[in-house]
Amino acid sequence: MSGYELHYFNVRARGEVGRLALSAANFEFKDLRHTREQWLEIKASGKPPLGQMPFIVTPEGKTLAQSDAILKYICKKGGLSPTDPWDEAVADQICGGVDDLRLAVVKAHFEKDEAKKEELRKEFLETTLPARLANYDALLKGTYFMGDKLTYADITFFDFFNGFMNNGAPTVPDCLSKFPRLVAHYEKVLENAGIKAWLTYADIIFFDLMNLLEKGEPTAPKALEKFPLLAAHHKRVLDVPEIKKWVETRPKTEH
């Protein structure tokens, strides 16, 4: 088999960060999007190692599930991972923080009580998100979270802010506007030849979170307006050719 296969449903959600990583690493891959019926057949075949998606099939025929495991494996193979143990721990910290934001968004989205849902959304947009963006702005070391090298931290950030906050659009989420550095970071990841055509995982994770706030739109989240550095970071990630291209051409989905 030539290239990788990434199996998931026809949505961004948990599958997008893997697609972004494969694109940023310039790895050839098939973006296989399955219907529920197709998935049930695939699951019954025993091919998915944990009986769930997303999962990838490597050129050697090996299978791997869990979005975080897929992200880090692809980034290590593609030279998009920190080489120093401390830097790797910091990158993981960034990714974990993005996951906290993702869970908060999902919690509000699935809340059935409309009054409670609005309360959760308001708390997230007015308190949780601004505070976390300030944290990320302080953690941004340079062009990317780990300095001059794109890592899975960037990809994770980009994935959230592009998908959850920007609805997948190749623009900077409004929530990043108060953070110029995060905007620049987001745009840089978006300009990546592989991402723009579809970053390190730290930048992508941060960008993804910011983009989630923008419902996938290619704009900077308003939450970054008070954090010029984070806004600039967001912009840099968004400017990565590969990321920008992917955000502009990927299938339009609700989540």
Foldseek 3Di string as FASTA:
>chain_A
DAWKEWEEAQACPLRQLLLLLCLLLVTDYHDHHDDPVVLVVVLVVCLAVVSDDGWMQGPVGDIDHDSVVSLQVSCVVSVAADPDPVLNVVLVVLLVLLVVLVVLLVVLVPDPPPVVSVVSVCCCLPPVLLVVLVVQLVQCPDLGSSHPFWALLLLLLLLLLQAQLQLLALAAALLQQLAQLLLLLLQLLLLAQRCLLPHRNNNSNNSSSSSNVSSNHRYHHVVSNVRSSSSSSSSSSSNNNSNVNNSHPRDRDRD
